Each structure stands twice: as C-alpha cells, then as structure tokens.
C-alpha cells in the first residue's frame, strides 16, 4: 500500500471508531483489529502504519470528531507529513477543501478538561495522559525474583519492588518467563496500588472488584500463598479468566465468588466482619488510562461521573461491612478526578466515623487529600488515586 492508501484506510476505520464512541459501540481496539483483518491486501507494515495513523489522530482530537476524515485532518494540521498525502492520488484521501470541517484539538471535551483542571491536572500533566504508555511487567515472587530472573531483554527497574519496564510492543507474552508464570503484564501504578494494601501471609483478603484477577494474583504473591484470598465480581465472563491466570502464576490460594448485583453481601456473608483487608478497585471513568485507551474520553458524560461516584461509594460501604475491627480497606480508582478519588473518600469517611484515612507513602507519587496520586508526569505510570482506610 502507498502512504496515501494507508491514510485513507485509517480514515475509513476512524469513521467506525467515531460512530461507536457516539453510540456506545465496540471499543477502538476491537474496531481497529477487525478493520485491519478485513483488509486482506494489507501487509504487516501496512497494518502497523494504519494503526499508528488511527491512534495518532485519536490523540490529536479533544472532543469527539465529526468524522474519521475530520480527525485525520486535525492530525494533518500538526503533522506536515500527513498533510501532503491529501492529494487524491494512489487511492489516497481527496484534497483538502478550503472550507472543510476539521476536528478540534485539546485534551478532552471541554467539560472534562475543566474537571481535570479542578482536580489539579492541567497543562503538561493533562497532555501526558495522551502519550504512549510503556509496557510494564511484575516479576511474580511466587516463581521468580526481579534480582535474578533471566529475560530475553533487560528491563528498567520500577519503583514497584517487582516491576520492570520495557518498550511498547515488546513481545513479553511470547517469552518462556510469561508462559511459566514468572512475569505478569501489569502497569507499575497498578503494582504500587497493590503494595499500598499491605497484604500479608496468613491474612484474609477480599478483592471485591477482581475482574479478570490481575491484582488478585499480585496479592497472592504478596501473601506468599498463605491465607485466604477471595476474588469476587459481578461479571461472570471476566471472573472466569482468573483460573487459568492463577494456575500459570501458581496463585493457589485465590478462590472466586460470583456476586449478584445489588446483593453482593449475600454471597460474601461468611466473611462479613472477618476480613483483614478488602481491596476496592472500583469501576471508574478511566481518566488515568487514556494512554492505553484514548478514545474512551469521547464516551464520557458529566452524568457518568456522578453515576460512577455513586457506585464507588456503595462499594466502599460493602467493604466496610466485610472488614474486621482493626482491619483496612484499600480504595483504588484509575481516575484523576477528585469526584472519584479524594472527594469520594472524604464523603465516605464523613458518613462512617469508625473509619479513618491511614497514611499512604509509596516510592512514587504524591499525597492527594486523604490518599495518594500517581500519574504519567508524577510517577511515570497510569493515573491512579489510592487510599488506605483503617477501622477502629
């Protein structure tokens, strides 16, 4: 394919991404994968170039663009090498008309930029949310040590005690160390969030929103496979992915509990008031993960943030029922909005006086209200808010 044809293919796939963002359809990753698969004539270099054009255009737009072409025209405004390809030749895009609509730049829709700024994320800090994320792995302490593990490439040690960083696209999932459960792909910020809970061998720990179990496996390693570790979630499909991951990692203490939405405590009743620690990795807006999923910022509305906050507060209330006196709750969101972080925790503490904010001190990040903040510029990780709540 010619460079012009690659740009036109990117525009056509971007049209589908934009439509899905407006209607709540499939993710950009899925649409791009299917769009590239359908173009059987495209070689591996073509597919890689098309993908690069698509995600560069997504990152270049603030609000959701009018179309795929409008998004690519925005990229052309800031990249002259793209602009010259709009000449109508070689199966490429038509020339740019003088009055043609071009997508707006920026970090996100205006309301969301304001919300981030009100939460202390603006300027370079906000711009960094749209950069490319590195590839981080966690060396699994159940099977290996970061100091002695032998890998095909040398990773950069992270602030997280078991973390290593590699360049994006490093094929770690094809390495023997991955197949043998010696390493797991996990952002360094997520690793630090697990460290903040301070799970210990012999404890009873509940991962309340376990999903596919990435943090559950990290907790099993911290507990040295000693104690009780419950991975619970309301999503049967996501929870079912934990078993093979746990087997590969050797996380033998992890057991799953499927929750009924709205009746979560019924399934967890046997642990009510008995857990030493409960991890609440709450559903959120995902503003801290735009480096990996930049089009998700087009899918958010102001009402979504309020809905997420209501769910987050309810999950903290559930965790409060499960934790024993003297135990602790670890609260995590991959969001940089205070409405889902510092303000949310303060609201919970005001409503539940038997809980208090414990000091969180991690080897990367900064304090934020009653908790801790990680971000691309502060800690070199995805964005997280982390709080640790003790109980009397």
Protein backbone atom coordinates (compact mmCIF):
# COMPACT_ATOMS: atom_id res chain seq x y z
CA UNK A 1 0.00 0.00 0.00
CA UNK A 2 1.10 3.56 -0.63
CA UNK A 3 1.26 6.01 2.29
CA UNK A 4 -1.78 7.74 0.79
CA UNK A 5 -3.76 4.49 0.75
CA UNK A 6 -2.79 3.83 4.34
CA UNK A 7 -4.18 7.22 5.38
CA UNK A 8 -7.43 6.55 3.52
CA UNK A 9 -7.77 3.14 5.21
CA UNK A 10 -7.19 4.83 8.58
CA UNK A 11 -9.94 7.37 7.81
CA UNK A 12 -12.40 4.61 6.97
CA UNK A 13 -11.70 2.75 10.21
CA UNK A 14 -11.79 6.01 12.17
CA UNK A 15 -15.32 6.60 10.87
CA UNK A 16 -16.36 3.40 12.66
CA UNK A 17 -14.47 4.37 15.84
CA UNK A 18 -16.19 7.76 15.94
CA UNK A 19 -19.62 6.21 15.38
CA UNK A 20 -19.03 3.66 18.14
CA UNK A 21 -17.89 6.38 20.54
CA UNK A 22 -21.10 8.30 19.92
CA UNK A 23 -23.38 5.28 20.27
CA UNK A 24 -21.63 3.23 22.95
CA UNK A 25 -20.46 0.61 20.46
CA UNK A 26 -17.36 -1.57 20.39
CA UNK A 27 -14.00 -0.33 21.64
CA UNK A 28 -11.49 1.26 19.30
CA UNK A 29 -9.10 -1.67 19.81
CA UNK A 30 -11.73 -4.12 18.61
CA UNK A 31 -12.83 -1.97 15.68
CA UNK A 32 -9.25 -1.41 14.55
CA UNK A 33 -8.41 -5.11 14.83
CA UNK A 34 -11.46 -6.09 12.78
CA UNK A 35 -10.89 -3.31 10.26
CA UNK A 36 -7.31 -4.39 9.65
CA UNK A 37 -8.28 -8.05 9.43
CA UNK A 38 -10.84 -7.23 6.74
CA UNK A 39 -8.13 -5.58 4.61
CA UNK A 40 -6.51 -8.79 3.50
CA UNK A 41 -4.35 -6.96 0.96
CA UNK A 42 -2.56 -5.03 3.72
CA UNK A 43 0.81 -6.42 4.77
CA UNK A 44 2.18 -6.29 8.30
CA UNK A 45 3.96 -2.96 7.69
CA UNK A 46 0.77 -1.53 6.20
CA UNK A 47 -1.31 -2.63 9.20
CA UNK A 48 1.19 -1.20 11.64
CA UNK A 49 1.25 2.14 9.80
CA UNK A 50 -2.55 2.31 9.58
CA UNK A 51 -2.84 1.62 13.30
CA UNK A 52 -0.31 4.39 14.04
CA UNK A 53 -2.28 6.88 11.94
CA UNK A 54 -5.54 5.96 13.67
CA UNK A 55 -4.29 6.36 17.22
CA UNK A 56 -2.28 9.47 16.42
CA UNK A 57 -5.48 11.04 15.04
CA UNK A 58 -7.48 9.98 18.09
CA UNK A 59 -4.90 11.57 20.40
CA UNK A 60 -4.87 14.75 18.31
CA UNK A 61 -8.60 15.40 18.84
CA UNK A 62 -10.08 16.79 22.06
CA UNK A 63 -13.86 16.40 21.68
CA UNK A 64 -15.26 13.56 19.58
CA UNK A 65 -14.66 14.50 15.91
CA UNK A 66 -17.37 14.84 13.29
CA UNK A 67 -15.90 12.02 11.19
CA UNK A 68 -12.79 9.98 10.56
CA UNK A 69 -11.69 12.43 7.89
CA UNK A 70 -12.13 15.38 10.26
CA UNK A 71 -9.95 13.55 12.80
CA UNK A 72 -7.25 12.87 10.22
CA UNK A 73 -7.36 16.47 9.06
CA UNK A 74 -6.70 17.52 12.65
CA UNK A 75 -3.61 15.29 12.61
CA UNK A 76 -2.62 16.83 9.26
CA UNK A 77 -2.67 20.27 10.89
CA UNK A 78 0.08 19.26 13.29
CA UNK A 79 1.96 16.79 11.07
CA UNK A 80 3.01 18.13 7.64
CA UNK A 81 3.98 14.62 6.51
CA UNK A 82 0.31 13.65 6.78
CA UNK A 83 -0.98 16.82 5.15
CA UNK A 84 0.90 16.22 1.89
CA UNK A 85 -0.84 12.85 1.46
CA UNK A 86 -4.21 14.54 0.93
CA UNK A 87 -3.76 14.90 -2.83
CA UNK A 88 -6.29 12.40 -4.20
CA UNK A 89 -3.69 10.15 -5.78
CA UNK A 90 -2.76 6.50 -5.18
CA UNK A 91 -6.08 5.50 -3.58
CA UNK A 92 -5.48 8.24 -1.03
CA UNK A 93 -7.80 10.84 0.51
CA UNK A 94 -9.24 13.66 -1.57
CA UNK A 95 -7.52 17.06 -1.46
CA UNK A 96 -8.38 19.30 1.47
CA UNK A 97 -11.11 21.83 0.69
CA UNK A 98 -10.71 25.39 1.94
CA UNK A 99 -13.94 25.28 3.96
CA UNK A 100 -13.63 21.68 5.14
CA UNK A 101 -14.53 20.81 8.73
CA UNK A 102 -11.57 19.88 10.93
CA UNK A 103 -11.85 18.26 14.34
CA UNK A 104 -10.99 20.34 17.42
CA UNK A 105 -7.77 19.77 19.28
CA UNK A 106 -7.32 19.69 23.04
CA UNK A 107 -7.10 17.09 25.77
CA UNK A 108 -10.76 16.09 26.01
CA UNK A 109 -14.27 17.55 25.72
CA UNK A 110 -14.33 20.99 27.38
CA UNK A 111 -16.30 19.93 30.46
CA UNK A 112 -13.85 17.11 31.11
CA UNK A 113 -10.80 19.34 30.69
CA UNK A 114 -12.33 21.68 33.29
CA UNK A 115 -13.00 18.79 35.68
CA UNK A 116 -9.40 17.62 35.36
CA UNK A 117 -8.09 21.15 35.92
CA UNK A 118 -10.29 21.48 39.02
CA UNK A 119 -8.66 18.24 40.23
CA UNK A 120 -5.16 19.63 39.73
CA UNK A 121 -4.49 18.08 36.31
CA UNK A 122 -3.79 20.68 33.64
CA UNK A 123 -1.11 21.76 31.18
CA UNK A 124 1.67 19.21 30.73
CA UNK A 125 0.09 16.92 33.33
CA UNK A 126 -3.08 16.68 31.25
CA UNK A 127 -1.21 16.40 27.94
CA UNK A 128 0.79 13.46 29.30
CA UNK A 129 -2.44 11.48 29.64
CA UNK A 130 -2.45 11.17 25.84
CA UNK A 131 1.13 9.95 25.47
CA UNK A 132 2.07 6.37 24.64
CA UNK A 133 2.26 4.01 27.59
CA UNK A 134 5.31 1.79 28.15
CA UNK A 135 4.96 -1.93 28.81
CA UNK A 136 5.40 -2.89 32.46
CA UNK A 137 5.63 -6.35 33.96
CA UNK A 138 5.56 -7.64 37.51
CA UNK A 139 8.02 -10.37 38.39
CA UNK A 140 5.94 -12.99 40.20
CA UNK A 141 7.51 -13.54 43.63
CA UNK A 142 5.87 -16.97 43.81
CA UNK A 143 8.07 -18.21 40.96
CA UNK A 144 10.96 -15.79 40.48
CA UNK A 145 12.89 -12.78 41.77
CA UNK A 146 13.48 -9.48 39.99
CA UNK A 147 17.14 -9.62 41.04
CA UNK A 148 17.85 -13.00 39.46
CA UNK A 149 15.30 -13.54 36.67
CA UNK A 150 16.74 -14.02 33.18
CA UNK A 151 14.75 -12.47 30.34
CA UNK A 152 15.43 -12.02 26.60
CA UNK A 153 15.67 -8.25 27.18
CA UNK A 154 16.83 -6.22 30.16
CA UNK A 155 14.00 -4.23 31.69
CA UNK A 156 14.23 -0.97 33.60
CA UNK A 157 13.55 -1.49 37.34
CA UNK A 158 10.47 0.39 38.55
CA UNK A 159 9.61 1.96 41.89
CA UNK A 160 7.32 -1.03 42.50
CA UNK A 161 9.57 -3.66 44.08
CA UNK A 162 8.82 -6.37 41.50
CA UNK A 163 8.33 -4.14 38.44
CA UNK A 164 10.27 -3.96 35.18
CA UNK A 165 9.62 -1.65 32.21
CA UNK A 166 10.06 -2.41 28.52
CA UNK A 167 9.40 -0.52 25.30
CA UNK A 168 5.86 -0.60 23.90
CA UNK A 169 5.32 -3.62 21.71
CA UNK A 170 7.93 -5.81 23.43
CA UNK A 171 6.64 -9.38 22.88
CA UNK A 172 6.78 -10.40 26.55
CA UNK A 173 3.75 -12.69 26.21
CA UNK A 174 5.79 -14.88 23.86
CA UNK A 175 8.62 -15.30 26.35
CA UNK A 176 9.11 -18.51 28.32
CA UNK A 177 9.05 -16.47 31.53
CA UNK A 178 5.46 -15.45 30.77
CA UNK A 179 4.35 -18.98 29.90
CA UNK A 180 5.98 -20.26 33.10
CA UNK A 181 4.24 -17.68 35.29
CA UNK A 182 7.41 -15.82 36.21
CA UNK A 183 6.12 -12.49 34.91
CA UNK A 184 2.71 -10.83 34.52
CA UNK A 185 1.90 -7.77 32.43
CA UNK A 186 0.82 -5.08 34.90
CA UNK A 187 1.27 -1.30 34.89
CA UNK A 188 3.69 -0.06 37.51
CA UNK A 189 0.96 2.09 39.05
CA UNK A 190 -1.28 -0.92 39.49
CA UNK A 191 1.59 -2.71 41.20
CA UNK A 192 2.06 0.21 43.60
CA UNK A 193 -1.67 0.23 44.33
CA UNK A 194 -1.48 -3.41 45.40
CA UNK A 195 1.55 -2.66 47.57
CA UNK A 196 -0.44 0.05 49.36
CA UNK A 197 -2.90 -2.51 50.73
CA UNK A 198 -0.06 -4.26 52.58
CA UNK A 199 -1.47 -7.78 52.26
CA UNK A 200 0.45 -10.24 54.45
CA UNK A 201 0.82 -14.03 54.63
CA UNK A 202 -1.92 -15.68 56.68
CA UNK A 203 -4.46 -12.87 56.30
CA UNK A 204 -7.99 -13.00 54.95
CA UNK A 205 -8.10 -10.65 51.97
CA UNK A 206 -11.02 -9.89 49.65
CA UNK A 207 -10.53 -8.41 46.19
CA UNK A 208 -14.05 -7.04 45.89
CA UNK A 209 -13.96 -5.97 42.22
CA UNK A 210 -11.50 -8.55 40.95
CA UNK A 211 -12.38 -8.52 37.25
CA UNK A 212 -10.00 -10.87 35.46
CA UNK A 213 -7.79 -11.06 38.55
CA UNK A 214 -4.65 -9.08 37.76
CA UNK A 215 -4.49 -7.57 41.24
CA UNK A 216 -5.68 -10.82 42.83
CA UNK A 217 -2.60 -12.60 41.52
CA UNK A 218 -0.37 -9.79 42.79
CA UNK A 219 -2.00 -10.10 46.23
CA UNK A 220 -1.40 -13.87 46.24
CA UNK A 221 2.30 -13.21 45.69
CA UNK A 222 2.36 -10.62 48.50
CA UNK A 223 0.71 -13.20 50.77
CA UNK A 224 3.21 -15.90 49.73
CA UNK A 225 0.23 -18.18 49.02
CA UNK A 226 -0.62 -18.27 52.72
CA UNK A 227 -4.05 -17.29 53.99
CA UNK A 228 -7.47 -16.77 52.41
CA UNK A 229 -7.81 -14.75 49.21
CA UNK A 230 -11.25 -14.14 47.72
CA UNK A 231 -11.67 -12.75 44.21
CA UNK A 232 -15.24 -11.55 43.72
CA UNK A 233 -17.01 -9.78 40.88
CA UNK A 234 -20.44 -9.45 39.28
CA UNK A 235 -19.10 -10.21 35.79
CA UNK A 236 -19.02 -13.96 35.24
CA UNK A 237 -17.04 -13.74 31.98
CA UNK A 238 -14.25 -11.60 33.42
CA UNK A 239 -14.06 -13.62 36.63
CA UNK A 240 -13.77 -16.87 34.65
CA UNK A 241 -10.46 -15.66 33.20
CA UNK A 242 -8.81 -15.73 36.63
CA UNK A 243 -8.46 -19.52 36.96
CA UNK A 244 -6.01 -20.07 34.06
CA UNK A 245 -4.06 -16.96 35.02
CA UNK A 246 -3.84 -18.07 38.65
CA UNK A 247 -2.74 -21.56 37.61
CA UNK A 248 0.03 -20.18 35.42
CA UNK A 249 1.16 -17.86 38.23
CA UNK A 250 0.93 -20.54 40.90
CA UNK A 251 -1.54 -18.45 42.92
CA UNK A 252 -3.07 -21.44 44.67
CA UNK A 253 -4.96 -19.55 47.41
CA UNK A 254 -7.12 -17.49 45.02
CA UNK A 255 -10.76 -18.56 45.05
CA UNK A 256 -13.57 -16.90 43.12
CA UNK A 257 -17.03 -15.80 44.26
CA UNK A 258 -19.57 -14.60 41.69
CA UNK A 259 -21.66 -11.74 43.04
CA UNK A 260 -25.29 -10.92 42.32
CA UNK A 261 -25.55 -7.17 41.54
CA UNK A 262 -27.37 -5.45 44.36
CA UNK A 263 -27.00 -8.49 46.65
CA UNK A 264 -23.22 -8.69 46.91
CA UNK A 265 -23.12 -9.19 50.67
CA UNK A 266 -25.30 -12.28 50.45
CA UNK A 267 -22.55 -14.14 48.58
CA UNK A 268 -19.86 -12.80 50.92
CA UNK A 269 -21.79 -13.19 54.18
CA UNK A 270 -19.42 -15.80 55.65
CA UNK A 271 -16.64 -13.18 55.63
CA UNK A 272 -18.73 -10.30 57.00
CA UNK A 273 -16.70 -8.52 59.68
CA UNK A 274 -13.84 -11.02 59.32
CA UNK A 275 -11.62 -9.73 56.52
CA UNK A 276 -8.24 -8.32 57.46
CA UNK A 277 -8.17 -6.32 54.25
CA UNK A 278 -10.59 -5.54 51.43
CA UNK A 279 -9.40 -4.15 48.11
CA UNK A 280 -11.91 -1.96 46.26
CA UNK A 281 -10.60 -1.48 42.72
CA UNK A 282 -13.73 0.43 41.80
CA UNK A 283 -15.28 0.93 38.36
CA UNK A 284 -14.48 4.46 37.25
CA UNK A 285 -14.16 6.90 34.38
CA UNK A 286 -10.69 5.61 33.48
CA UNK A 287 -9.22 9.09 33.00
CA UNK A 288 -5.88 7.73 34.20
CA UNK A 289 -5.69 5.14 31.42
CA UNK A 290 -6.11 7.32 28.32
CA UNK A 291 -2.57 6.48 27.23
CA UNK A 292 -3.86 2.97 26.53
CA UNK A 293 -7.45 3.76 25.52
CA UNK A 294 -7.50 7.37 24.24
CA UNK A 295 -10.94 7.18 22.60
CA UNK A 296 -12.67 6.41 25.93
CA UNK A 297 -12.59 10.13 26.79
CA UNK A 298 -15.12 10.61 23.98
CA UNK A 299 -17.54 8.23 25.66
CA UNK A 300 -17.87 10.05 29.00
CA UNK A 301 -20.57 12.49 30.08
CA UNK A 302 -20.88 14.60 33.21
CA UNK A 303 -23.70 12.37 34.43
CA UNK A 304 -21.41 9.33 34.07
CA UNK A 305 -19.06 10.72 36.71
CA UNK A 306 -21.91 11.07 39.19
CA UNK A 307 -23.02 7.51 38.43
CA UNK A 308 -19.52 6.16 38.95
CA UNK A 309 -19.22 8.04 42.25
CA UNK A 310 -22.48 6.52 43.49
CA UNK A 311 -21.25 3.01 42.68
CA UNK A 312 -17.86 3.70 44.26
CA UNK A 313 -19.45 4.92 47.49
CA UNK A 314 -21.70 1.87 47.62
CA UNK A 315 -18.71 -0.46 47.13
CA UNK A 316 -16.88 1.23 49.99
CA UNK A 317 -19.96 0.69 52.17
CA UNK A 318 -19.90 -3.03 51.26
CA UNK A 319 -16.19 -3.22 52.06
CA UNK A 320 -16.93 -1.57 55.40
CA UNK A 321 -19.29 -4.44 56.24
CA UNK A 322 -16.67 -7.04 55.37
CA UNK A 323 -13.61 -5.69 57.15
CA UNK A 324 -12.99 -6.62 60.77
CA UNK A 325 -12.31 -4.09 63.54
CA UNK A 326 -8.67 -3.13 63.19
CA UNK A 327 -8.66 -4.16 59.53
CA UNK A 328 -8.28 -1.94 56.47
CA UNK A 329 -9.76 -1.06 53.12
CA UNK A 330 -7.65 -0.28 50.08
CA UNK A 331 -9.52 2.01 47.69
CA UNK A 332 -8.25 2.40 44.11
CA UNK A 333 -9.54 4.15 41.02
CA UNK A 334 -7.68 4.60 37.74
CA UNK A 335 -9.11 8.12 37.62
CA UNK A 336 -7.57 11.52 38.31
CA UNK A 337 -10.89 13.23 39.02
CA UNK A 338 -11.31 14.19 42.68
CA UNK A 339 -15.02 13.33 42.42
CA UNK A 340 -13.94 9.68 42.17
CA UNK A 341 -10.95 9.97 44.48
CA UNK A 342 -10.20 12.43 47.28
CA UNK A 343 -13.71 13.89 47.49
CA UNK A 344 -15.33 10.45 47.33
CA UNK A 345 -13.22 9.09 50.19
CA UNK A 346 -13.86 12.18 52.28
CA UNK A 347 -17.59 11.65 51.80
CA UNK A 348 -17.29 8.01 52.90
CA UNK A 349 -15.28 8.97 56.00
CA UNK A 350 -17.85 11.62 56.95
CA UNK A 351 -20.61 9.03 56.75
CA UNK A 352 -18.63 6.29 58.53
CA UNK A 353 -16.82 7.71 61.58
CA UNK A 354 -15.36 4.35 62.63
CA UNK A 355 -13.05 4.59 59.60
CA UNK A 356 -10.07 6.89 59.19
CA UNK A 357 -7.55 7.62 56.47
CA UNK A 358 -4.24 5.92 57.12
CA UNK A 359 -1.08 7.48 55.76
CA UNK A 360 -0.10 6.22 52.32
CA UNK A 361 3.57 6.55 51.45
CA UNK A 362 4.69 4.87 48.25
CA UNK A 363 8.08 5.13 46.47
CA UNK A 364 6.44 7.15 43.68
CA UNK A 365 3.59 9.66 43.53
CA UNK A 366 2.33 12.44 45.80
CA UNK A 367 -0.26 12.89 48.52
CA UNK A 368 -3.73 13.97 47.39
CA UNK A 369 -6.31 14.72 50.07
CA UNK A 370 -6.81 11.61 52.22
CA UNK A 371 -4.86 9.45 49.79
CA UNK A 372 -2.16 9.25 47.15
CA UNK A 373 -1.96 10.14 43.46
CA UNK A 374 0.01 8.52 40.65
CA UNK A 375 0.15 9.90 37.10
CA UNK A 376 2.33 9.83 33.97
CA UNK A 377 4.20 13.00 34.97
CA UNK A 378 4.37 12.37 38.72
CA UNK A 379 5.22 8.67 38.83
CA UNK A 380 5.64 7.62 35.19
CA UNK A 381 2.62 5.33 35.47
CA UNK A 382 -1.04 5.33 34.58
CA UNK A 383 -3.13 7.69 36.68
CA UNK A 384 -4.46 6.35 39.99
CA UNK A 385 -5.95 7.57 43.24
CA UNK A 386 -5.14 5.29 46.17
CA UNK A 387 -6.42 5.47 49.75
CA UNK A 388 -5.97 3.15 52.69
CA UNK A 389 -8.71 3.32 55.30
CA UNK A 390 -8.27 1.88 58.76
CA UNK A 391 -11.04 0.99 61.17
CA UNK A 392 -11.37 1.33 64.92
